[in-house]
């Protein structure tokens, strides 16, 4: 509706980005297949799109826009994180840059908190959190975000796999066997000496397993 009327909305996820030292406001739009940049911004940045003949882009109001080409591996900095993104240049109105579905897919698994305007994901073993324009500035909210236990979130998402077993595993084609030589008798050895606390724990675990 905003695209058809030309009106802005606070219910959008906007990110402050940096391309070649120029601040650019980007709309994150999962309904957009690719990443698009306004022609005026491409000219301003001095980008030279690679021509693509016959490429049209259908926008939300049904109009088909002619693309002047694609700029490959454009280095976009978002919250200090660099991204190399293929960008299609079109006569876009209302937004300077639209980060589409392909870019979101490149992040892998992510958590999108629409209410707090935050997009978090793992990158190179680090947890990255992109904060959108208009995000709550209350320090208590920021503290709550910082206190999120991501490990617990991960454990909760796989709770069905991590539940303690309540029965024996199902029979499979390759069950475990201890192969003994025919007629072998048990080896007579003294039991190991255990501290009382360790002995109690071993007995507790054995009881749980037998149960």
Protein backbone atom coordinates (compact mmCIF):
# COMPACT_ATOMS: atom_id res chain seq x y z
CA UNK A 1 0.00 0.00 0.00
CA UNK A 2 2.86 2.38 0.82
CA UNK A 3 4.47 1.55 -2.51
CA UNK A 4 1.23 2.30 -4.39
CA UNK A 5 0.45 5.56 -2.60
CA UNK A 6 4.00 6.85 -2.22
CA UNK A 7 3.48 7.37 1.49
CA UNK A 8 6.00 6.30 4.07
CA UNK A 9 5.28 4.12 7.08
CA UNK A 10 6.78 3.59 10.50
CA UNK A 11 5.96 -0.12 10.17
CA UNK A 12 8.94 -0.82 7.94
CA UNK A 13 12.41 -2.07 8.77
CA UNK A 14 14.97 0.52 7.67
CA UNK A 15 18.73 0.17 8.08
CA UNK A 16 21.39 2.84 7.87
CA UNK A 17 24.03 1.59 5.43
CA UNK A 18 27.25 2.96 4.02
CA UNK A 19 28.38 2.55 0.40
CA UNK A 20 31.73 4.08 -0.56
CA UNK A 21 31.48 6.44 2.40
CA UNK A 22 27.99 7.67 1.45
CA UNK A 23 25.17 7.06 3.96
CA UNK A 24 22.25 5.26 2.32
CA UNK A 25 18.94 4.29 3.94
CA UNK A 26 17.88 0.76 3.00
CA UNK A 27 14.50 -0.93 3.26
CA UNK A 28 14.65 -4.61 4.24
CA UNK A 29 11.90 -6.31 2.24
CA UNK A 30 11.43 -10.08 2.29
CA UNK A 31 8.86 -9.69 -0.49
CA UNK A 32 11.49 -8.40 -2.90
CA UNK A 33 13.34 -11.18 -4.71
CA UNK A 34 16.60 -9.26 -5.24
CA UNK A 35 18.35 -6.14 -3.99
CA UNK A 36 17.49 -2.94 -5.88
CA UNK A 37 19.01 0.53 -5.89
CA UNK A 38 17.48 3.76 -7.14
CA UNK A 39 19.02 5.02 -10.37
CA UNK A 40 19.67 8.44 -8.81
CA UNK A 41 21.69 6.85 -6.01
CA UNK A 42 23.74 4.75 -8.45
CA UNK A 43 24.61 7.93 -10.38
CA UNK A 44 25.46 9.71 -7.14
CA UNK A 45 27.80 6.88 -6.13
CA UNK A 46 29.40 6.76 -9.57
CA UNK A 47 28.45 3.12 -10.10
CA UNK A 48 28.50 1.70 -13.63
CA UNK A 49 25.88 -1.06 -13.96
CA UNK A 50 26.62 -4.01 -16.18
CA UNK A 51 23.98 -3.73 -18.95
CA UNK A 52 21.29 -6.40 -19.01
CA UNK A 53 19.01 -6.38 -22.02
CA UNK A 54 15.29 -6.90 -21.58
CA UNK A 55 15.32 -6.99 -17.77
CA UNK A 56 12.13 -5.57 -16.24
CA UNK A 57 11.18 -5.47 -12.58
CA UNK A 58 7.56 -5.73 -11.48
CA UNK A 59 6.93 -3.56 -8.41
CA UNK A 60 4.12 -3.69 -5.85
CA UNK A 61 1.68 -1.47 -7.75
CA UNK A 62 1.93 -3.74 -10.81
CA UNK A 63 4.14 -1.40 -12.83
CA UNK A 64 7.07 -2.89 -14.76
CA UNK A 65 10.29 -0.89 -14.47
CA UNK A 66 13.20 -1.17 -16.88
CA UNK A 67 16.47 -2.03 -15.16
CA UNK A 68 19.57 -0.28 -16.44
CA UNK A 69 21.72 -3.20 -15.31
CA UNK A 70 23.37 -4.88 -12.36
CA UNK A 71 26.24 -3.77 -10.14
CA UNK A 72 27.95 -6.90 -8.87
CA UNK A 73 29.45 -7.36 -5.40
CA UNK A 74 28.70 -3.83 -4.19
CA UNK A 75 30.33 -3.44 -0.77
CA UNK A 76 27.60 -2.36 1.65
CA UNK A 77 28.51 -1.63 5.28
CA UNK A 78 25.70 -2.17 7.80
CA UNK A 79 26.45 -1.52 11.49
CA UNK A 80 30.14 -2.07 10.75
CA UNK A 81 29.51 -5.41 9.00
CA UNK A 82 30.57 -5.60 5.31
CA UNK A 83 28.35 -7.32 2.76
CA UNK A 84 29.08 -7.83 -0.96
CA UNK A 85 25.71 -7.65 -2.68
CA UNK A 86 24.63 -7.84 -6.32
CA UNK A 87 22.40 -4.80 -6.88
CA UNK A 88 19.93 -4.18 -9.72
CA UNK A 89 19.56 -0.52 -10.67
CA UNK A 90 16.00 0.67 -11.39
CA UNK A 91 14.17 4.03 -11.34
CA UNK A 92 13.05 3.42 -7.76
CA UNK A 93 10.91 6.00 -5.98
CA UNK A 94 10.57 6.41 -2.22
CA UNK A 95 13.57 4.32 -1.18
CA UNK A 96 17.27 4.53 -1.96
CA UNK A 97 18.07 0.83 -1.51
CA UNK A 98 15.91 -2.26 -1.06
CA UNK A 99 17.56 -5.30 0.52
CA UNK A 100 15.61 -8.30 -0.70
CA UNK A 101 15.11 -11.99 -0.09
CA UNK A 102 18.44 -13.05 -1.64
CA UNK A 103 20.31 -10.88 0.88
CA UNK A 104 18.29 -12.27 3.79
CA UNK A 105 19.08 -15.82 2.63
CA UNK A 106 22.81 -14.99 2.66
CA UNK A 107 22.57 -14.40 6.44
CA UNK A 108 21.68 -18.01 7.12
CA UNK A 109 19.48 -18.60 10.16
CA UNK A 110 18.46 -15.32 11.77
CA UNK A 111 16.12 -13.89 14.41
CA UNK A 112 14.01 -10.93 13.30
CA UNK A 113 12.43 -8.97 16.17
CA UNK A 114 9.99 -6.76 14.29
CA UNK A 115 8.69 -5.02 17.43
CA UNK A 116 12.17 -3.89 18.49
CA UNK A 117 13.49 -3.37 14.94
CA UNK A 118 16.37 -5.79 15.36
CA UNK A 119 17.79 -8.46 13.06
CA UNK A 120 20.34 -10.83 14.63
CA UNK A 121 22.38 -13.66 13.14
CA UNK A 122 25.73 -15.46 13.42
CA UNK A 123 28.64 -14.32 11.26
CA UNK A 124 32.05 -15.96 11.56
CA UNK A 125 31.35 -17.21 15.07
CA UNK A 126 30.10 -13.79 16.23
CA UNK A 127 26.56 -12.77 17.05
CA UNK A 128 25.63 -9.73 14.95
CA UNK A 129 22.62 -7.54 15.71
CA UNK A 130 21.46 -4.98 13.12
CA UNK A 131 19.31 -2.24 14.65
CA UNK A 132 16.77 -0.51 12.43
CA UNK A 133 15.83 3.16 12.37
CA UNK A 134 13.18 4.01 14.91
CA UNK A 135 14.21 1.20 17.25
CA UNK A 136 13.31 1.75 20.94
CA UNK A 137 16.01 3.82 22.62
CA UNK A 138 15.01 2.95 26.20
CA UNK A 139 18.21 1.65 27.89
CA UNK A 140 16.13 -0.96 29.71
CA UNK A 141 15.09 -2.40 26.36
CA UNK A 142 18.72 -2.44 25.20
CA UNK A 143 19.71 -4.19 28.42
CA UNK A 144 16.98 -6.77 27.89
CA UNK A 145 18.25 -7.46 24.36
CA UNK A 146 21.81 -7.82 25.62
CA UNK A 147 20.64 -10.26 28.29
CA UNK A 148 19.09 -12.70 25.80
CA UNK A 149 20.55 -16.16 26.34
CA UNK A 150 21.09 -17.28 22.75
CA UNK A 151 22.32 -20.68 23.88
CA UNK A 152 19.05 -21.25 25.72
CA UNK A 153 17.13 -20.14 22.62
CA UNK A 154 19.08 -22.72 20.61
CA UNK A 155 18.37 -25.46 23.16
CA UNK A 156 14.68 -24.53 23.23
CA UNK A 157 14.43 -24.72 19.45
CA UNK A 158 15.71 -28.34 19.55
CA UNK A 159 13.91 -29.33 22.74
CA UNK A 160 12.27 -32.33 21.09
CA UNK A 161 15.72 -33.79 20.31
CA UNK A 162 17.26 -33.02 23.69
CA UNK A 163 14.51 -34.43 25.94
CA UNK A 164 15.79 -37.12 28.36
CA UNK A 165 15.00 -40.59 26.99
CA UNK A 166 12.05 -42.43 28.52
CA UNK A 167 12.49 -45.75 26.71
CA UNK A 168 15.05 -47.84 24.90
CA UNK A 169 16.01 -46.69 21.40
CA UNK A 170 14.15 -48.36 18.52
CA UNK A 171 15.61 -51.51 17.03
CA UNK A 172 17.80 -50.75 14.02
CA UNK A 173 19.56 -52.80 11.36
CA UNK A 174 22.96 -52.14 12.99
CA UNK A 175 22.45 -52.71 16.71
CA UNK A 176 25.49 -52.67 18.98
CA UNK A 177 27.15 -55.99 19.77
CA UNK A 178 30.05 -56.98 22.00
CA UNK A 179 31.77 -59.83 20.19
CA UNK A 180 33.26 -62.45 22.55
CA UNK A 181 35.35 -65.47 21.79
CA UNK A 182 33.44 -68.74 22.35
CA UNK A 183 33.80 -70.04 25.90
CA UNK A 184 35.35 -66.84 27.23
CA UNK A 185 34.93 -66.44 30.99
CA UNK A 186 34.72 -63.07 32.80
CA UNK A 187 38.04 -61.55 33.71
CA UNK A 188 38.58 -61.51 37.47
CA UNK A 189 39.82 -58.09 38.57
CA UNK A 190 39.42 -56.06 41.71
CA UNK A 191 36.83 -53.27 41.59
CA UNK A 192 38.26 -49.78 41.33
CA UNK A 193 38.28 -47.67 44.43
CA UNK A 194 36.00 -44.64 44.09
CA UNK A 195 35.51 -41.65 46.41
CA UNK A 196 32.11 -41.84 48.07
CA UNK A 197 30.71 -38.86 46.11
CA UNK A 198 31.77 -40.42 42.80
CA UNK A 199 30.35 -43.79 43.82
CA UNK A 200 27.01 -42.19 44.70
CA UNK A 201 26.90 -40.41 41.33
CA UNK A 202 27.73 -43.60 39.40
CA UNK A 203 24.97 -45.46 41.19
CA UNK A 204 22.50 -42.64 40.55
CA UNK A 205 23.29 -42.61 36.83
CA UNK A 206 23.14 -46.39 36.56
CA UNK A 207 19.73 -46.36 38.27
CA UNK A 208 18.50 -43.71 35.81
CA UNK A 209 19.75 -45.70 32.82
CA UNK A 210 18.17 -48.93 34.09
CA UNK A 211 14.91 -47.12 34.68
